[in-house]
Amino acid sequence: MRTQDVDAALDREQEGPTDSAALAGATMAAVLTVVIPKGPFDSFSIPIGVSLAVLVCAFELHRRRTRTKSLAFATALSFPLLLIVGPFVEAVRQGWTFSFFFHGGNEADGRVEPWLLTLVWIVLALLVFAVDRTRQRRRAPSQRGVAA
């Protein structure tokens, strides 16, 4: 079956009551609200990231996706994952000092530069994309909505 036929079959899949684009947009808005204020990542970013990642996965993980939709899923999921990984990146940048982790800090205390956040986000997105594509390929043809 051609890629276009598979893409068309997946696009015909019935959407659930959750609007995927709205879910992704709300997730990114929440993450940006947390990340935009300057300062170090602290312990509270982890439960926020976990909550948002679980929310995205609960509604989107089971769905069948084309490559493009897998990329969208990966890039959206990587934002809350950044909140989970961020404190550990901050710890490395702080010389493995974890005082900021428990006590927070101010703008001058943050050591994770925007270029590093971007790099970590790209790495996370590529990892999620690779895992998602592997999961999509391993599904039985009947589960993918395409003929064998």
C-alpha atoms as a PDB file:
ATOM      1  CA  MET A   1       0.000   0.000   0.000  1.00  0.00           C
ATOM      2  CA  ARG A   2       1.338   3.411  -0.917  1.00  0.00           C
ATOM      3  CA  THR A   3       2.218   5.972   1.745  1.00  0.00           C
ATOM      4  CA  GLN A   4      -0.511   8.319   0.499  1.00  0.00           C
ATOM      5  CA  ASP A   5      -3.104   5.543   0.895  1.00  0.00           C
ATOM      6  CA  VAL A   6      -1.941   4.820   4.428  1.00  0.00           C
ATOM      7  CA  ASP A   7      -2.009   8.536   5.264  1.00  0.00           C
ATOM      8  CA  ALA A   8      -5.532   8.828   3.856  1.00  0.00           C
ATOM      9  CA  ALA A   9      -6.700   5.782   5.836  1.00  0.00           C
ATOM     10  CA  LEU A  10      -5.263   7.209   9.044  1.00  0.00           C
ATOM     11  CA  ASP A  11      -6.815  10.611   8.368  1.00  0.00           C
ATOM     12  CA  ARG A  12     -10.229   8.934   8.069  1.00  0.00           C
ATOM     13  CA  GLU A  13      -9.831   7.531  11.581  1.00  0.00           C
ATOM     14  CA  GLN A  14     -12.543   8.825  13.839  1.00  0.00           C
ATOM     15  CA  GLU A  15     -11.295  11.444  16.237  1.00  0.00           C
ATOM     16  CA  GLY A  16     -12.310  11.114  19.857  1.00  0.00           C
ATOM     17  CA  PRO A  17     -13.922  13.882  21.855  1.00  0.00           C
ATOM     18  CA  THR A  18     -10.525  15.455  22.457  1.00  0.00           C
ATOM     19  CA  ASP A  19      -9.225  17.919  19.905  1.00  0.00           C
ATOM     20  CA  SER A  20      -5.567  16.986  19.425  1.00  0.00           C
ATOM     21  CA  ALA A  21      -4.512  20.452  18.315  1.00  0.00           C
ATOM     22  CA  ALA A  22      -6.213  22.077  21.321  1.00  0.00           C
ATOM     23  CA  LEU A  23      -4.527  19.604  23.654  1.00  0.00           C
ATOM     24  CA  ALA A  24      -1.109  20.305  22.136  1.00  0.00           C
ATOM     25  CA  GLY A  25      -1.702  24.065  22.244  1.00  0.00           C
ATOM     26  CA  ALA A  26      -2.798  23.998  25.874  1.00  0.00           C
ATOM     27  CA  THR A  27       0.218  21.895  26.797  1.00  0.00           C
ATOM     28  CA  MET A  28       2.643  24.276  25.095  1.00  0.00           C
ATOM     29  CA  ALA A  29       0.953  27.284  26.713  1.00  0.00           C
ATOM     30  CA  ALA A  30       1.327  25.752  30.157  1.00  0.00           C
ATOM     31  CA  VAL A  31       4.969  24.848  29.582  1.00  0.00           C
ATOM     32  CA  LEU A  32       5.820  28.278  28.221  1.00  0.00           C
ATOM     33  CA  THR A  33       4.166  29.859  31.238  1.00  0.00           C
ATOM     34  CA  VAL A  34       6.521  27.896  33.457  1.00  0.00           C
ATOM     35  CA  VAL A  35       9.661  28.255  31.317  1.00  0.00           C
ATOM     36  CA  ILE A  36       9.401  31.922  30.311  1.00  0.00           C
ATOM     37  CA  PRO A  37       9.925  33.320  33.837  1.00  0.00           C
ATOM     38  CA  LYS A  38      13.669  33.454  34.225  1.00  0.00           C
ATOM     39  CA  GLY A  39      15.400  31.546  36.943  1.00  0.00           C
ATOM     40  CA  PRO A  40      16.617  28.041  37.608  1.00  0.00           C
ATOM     41  CA  PHE A  41      14.556  24.950  37.069  1.00  0.00           C
ATOM     42  CA  ASP A  42      13.456  23.697  40.463  1.00  0.00           C
ATOM     43  CA  SER A  43      11.728  20.669  41.932  1.00  0.00           C
ATOM     44  CA  PHE A  44       8.236  21.965  41.138  1.00  0.00           C
ATOM     45  CA  SER A  45       8.834  21.815  37.399  1.00  0.00           C
ATOM     46  CA  ILE A  46       8.990  18.009  37.605  1.00  0.00           C
ATOM     47  CA  PRO A  47       5.393  17.362  38.769  1.00  0.00           C
ATOM     48  CA  ILE A  48       4.136  19.975  36.300  1.00  0.00           C
ATOM     49  CA  GLY A  49       6.027  18.244  33.479  1.00  0.00           C
ATOM     50  CA  VAL A  50       4.860  14.790  34.546  1.00  0.00           C
ATOM     51  CA  SER A  51       1.226  15.946  34.767  1.00  0.00           C
ATOM     52  CA  LEU A  52       1.310  17.524  31.318  1.00  0.00           C
ATOM     53  CA  ALA A  53       3.150  14.561  29.749  1.00  0.00           C
ATOM     54  CA  VAL A  54       0.617  12.127  31.244  1.00  0.00           C
ATOM     55  CA  LEU A  55      -2.237  14.302  29.974  1.00  0.00           C
ATOM     56  CA  VAL A  56      -0.870  14.316  26.424  1.00  0.00           C
ATOM     57  CA  CYS A  57      -0.133  10.576  26.499  1.00  0.00           C
ATOM     58  CA  ALA A  58      -3.532   9.679  27.968  1.00  0.00           C
ATOM     59  CA  PHE A  59      -5.318  11.197  24.990  1.00  0.00           C
ATOM     60  CA  GLU A  60      -2.794  10.685  22.200  1.00  0.00           C
ATOM     61  CA  LEU A  61      -0.572   7.669  22.878  1.00  0.00           C
ATOM     62  CA  HIS A  62      -3.088   5.067  21.690  1.00  0.00           C
ATOM     63  CA  ARG A  63      -3.867   6.800  18.399  1.00  0.00           C
ATOM     64  CA  ARG A  64      -2.555   5.725  15.045  1.00  0.00           C
ATOM     65  CA  ARG A  65      -0.353   8.338  13.433  1.00  0.00           C
ATOM     66  CA  THR A  66       1.298   9.123  10.139  1.00  0.00           C
ATOM     67  CA  ARG A  67       4.943  10.220  10.195  1.00  0.00           C
ATOM     68  CA  THR A  68       3.865  13.854  10.214  1.00  0.00           C
ATOM     69  CA  LYS A  69       1.486  13.314  13.116  1.00  0.00           C
ATOM     70  CA  SER A  70       4.208  11.402  14.978  1.00  0.00           C
ATOM     71  CA  LEU A  71       6.465  14.408  14.535  1.00  0.00           C
ATOM     72  CA  ALA A  72       3.738  16.710  15.882  1.00  0.00           C
ATOM     73  CA  PHE A  73       3.176  14.347  18.822  1.00  0.00           C
ATOM     74  CA  ALA A  74       6.908  14.181  19.540  1.00  0.00           C
ATOM     75  CA  THR A  75       7.451  17.929  19.440  1.00  0.00           C
ATOM     76  CA  ALA A  76       4.403  18.609  21.651  1.00  0.00           C
ATOM     77  CA  LEU A  77       5.313  15.899  24.195  1.00  0.00           C
ATOM     78  CA  SER A  78       8.908  17.126  24.357  1.00  0.00           C
ATOM     79  CA  PHE A  79       7.848  20.413  25.969  1.00  0.00           C
ATOM     80  CA  PRO A  80       6.554  18.847  29.195  1.00  0.00           C
ATOM     81  CA  LEU A  81       9.454  16.381  29.107  1.00  0.00           C
ATOM     82  CA  LEU A  82      11.739  19.417  29.091  1.00  0.00           C
ATOM     83  CA  LEU A  83      10.275  20.389  32.463  1.00  0.00           C
ATOM     84  CA  ILE A  84      11.164  16.945  33.813  1.00  0.00           C
ATOM     85  CA  VAL A  85      14.709  16.942  32.414  1.00  0.00           C
ATOM     86  CA  GLY A  86      15.352  20.666  33.031  1.00  0.00           C
ATOM     87  CA  PRO A  87      16.251  20.415  36.724  1.00  0.00           C
ATOM     88  CA  PHE A  88      18.871  17.783  35.940  1.00  0.00           C
ATOM     89  CA  VAL A  89      20.341  19.933  33.162  1.00  0.00           C
ATOM     90  CA  GLU A  90      20.332  22.806  35.671  1.00  0.00           C
ATOM     91  CA  ALA A  91      22.145  20.596  38.199  1.00  0.00           C
ATOM     92  CA  VAL A  92      24.876  19.785  35.677  1.00  0.00           C
ATOM     93  CA  ARG A  93      25.236  23.487  34.816  1.00  0.00           C
ATOM     94  CA  GLN A  94      25.373  24.373  38.546  1.00  0.00           C
ATOM     95  CA  GLY A  95      28.208  21.917  39.203  1.00  0.00           C
ATOM     96  CA  TRP A  96      25.913  19.244  40.636  1.00  0.00           C
ATOM     97  CA  THR A  97      24.674  21.590  43.353  1.00  0.00           C
ATOM     98  CA  PHE A  98      21.048  20.880  44.184  1.00  0.00           C
ATOM     99  CA  SER A  99      20.267  23.793  46.551  1.00  0.00           C
ATOM    100  CA  PHE A 100      18.313  25.590  43.787  1.00  0.00           C
ATOM    101  CA  PHE A 101      16.337  22.388  43.308  1.00  0.00           C
ATOM    102  CA  PHE A 102      14.771  22.635  46.741  1.00  0.00           C
ATOM    103  CA  HIS A 103      14.851  26.394  47.358  1.00  0.00           C
ATOM    104  CA  GLY A 104      14.232  27.869  43.902  1.00  0.00           C
ATOM    105  CA  GLY A 105      16.094  30.986  42.982  1.00  0.00           C
ATOM    106  CA  ASN A 106      15.952  34.149  40.959  1.00  0.00           C
ATOM    107  CA  GLU A 107      16.868  35.087  37.417  1.00  0.00           C
ATOM    108  CA  ALA A 108      20.579  35.359  38.208  1.00  0.00           C
ATOM    109  CA  ASP A 109      20.623  31.776  39.518  1.00  0.00           C
ATOM    110  CA  GLY A 110      19.505  30.107  36.272  1.00  0.00           C
ATOM    111  CA  ARG A 111      22.339  28.511  34.305  1.00  0.00           C
ATOM    112  CA  VAL A 112      20.473  26.859  31.436  1.00  0.00           C
ATOM    113  CA  GLU A 113      20.855  29.067  28.385  1.00  0.00           C
ATOM    114  CA  PRO A 114      18.132  29.183  25.696  1.00  0.00           C
ATOM    115  CA  TRP A 115      20.373  27.429  23.148  1.00  0.00           C
ATOM    116  CA  LEU A 116      20.802  24.525  25.582  1.00  0.00           C
ATOM    117  CA  LEU A 117      17.052  24.300  26.206  1.00  0.00           C
ATOM    118  CA  THR A 118      16.534  24.210  22.442  1.00  0.00           C
ATOM    119  CA  LEU A 119      19.141  21.475  22.033  1.00  0.00           C
ATOM    120  CA  VAL A 120      17.633  19.359  24.818  1.00  0.00           C
ATOM    121  CA  TRP A 121      14.150  19.849  23.335  1.00  0.00           C
ATOM    122  CA  ILE A 122      15.379  18.702  19.899  1.00  0.00           C
ATOM    123  CA  VAL A 123      17.026  15.602  21.396  1.00  0.00           C
ATOM    124  CA  LEU A 124      13.868  14.767  23.357  1.00  0.00           C
ATOM    125  CA  ALA A 125      11.690  15.279  20.259  1.00  0.00           C
ATOM    126  CA  LEU A 126      13.901  12.993  18.169  1.00  0.00           C
ATOM    127  CA  LEU A 127      13.818  10.297  20.864  1.00  0.00           C
ATOM    128  CA  VAL A 128      10.034  10.479  21.235  1.00  0.00           C
ATOM    129  CA  PHE A 129       9.635  10.454  17.438  1.00  0.00           C
ATOM    130  CA  ALA A 130      11.835   7.348  17.102  1.00  0.00           C
ATOM    131  CA  VAL A 131       9.964   5.507  19.858  1.00  0.00           C
ATOM    132  CA  ASP A 132       6.573   6.510  18.460  1.00  0.00           C
ATOM    133  CA  ARG A 133       7.451   5.420  14.917  1.00  0.00           C
ATOM    134  CA  THR A 134       8.701   2.077  16.257  1.00  0.00           C
ATOM    135  CA  ARG A 135       5.434   1.627  18.168  1.00  0.00           C
ATOM    136  CA  GLN A 136       3.395   2.558  15.100  1.00  0.00           C
ATOM    137  CA  ARG A 137       5.269   0.064  12.888  1.00  0.00           C
ATOM    138  CA  ARG A 138       4.911  -2.764  15.421  1.00  0.00           C
ATOM    139  CA  ARG A 139       1.145  -2.504  15.507  1.00  0.00           C
ATOM    140  CA  ALA A 140      -0.617  -5.245  13.592  1.00  0.00           C
ATOM    141  CA  PRO A 141      -1.944  -4.156  10.179  1.00  0.00           C
ATOM    142  CA  SER A 142      -5.522  -4.549  11.454  1.00  0.00           C
ATOM    143  CA  GLN A 143      -4.731  -2.160  14.319  1.00  0.00           C
ATOM    144  CA  ARG A 144      -3.277   0.388  11.910  1.00  0.00           C
ATOM    145  CA  GLY A 145      -6.458   0.542   9.872  1.00  0.00           C
ATOM    146  CA  VAL A 146      -4.773  -0.637   6.680  1.00  0.00           C
ATOM    147  CA  ALA A 147      -5.109  -3.831   4.726  1.00  0.00           C
ATOM    148  CA  ALA A 148      -2.317  -6.353   4.979  1.00  0.00           C
END
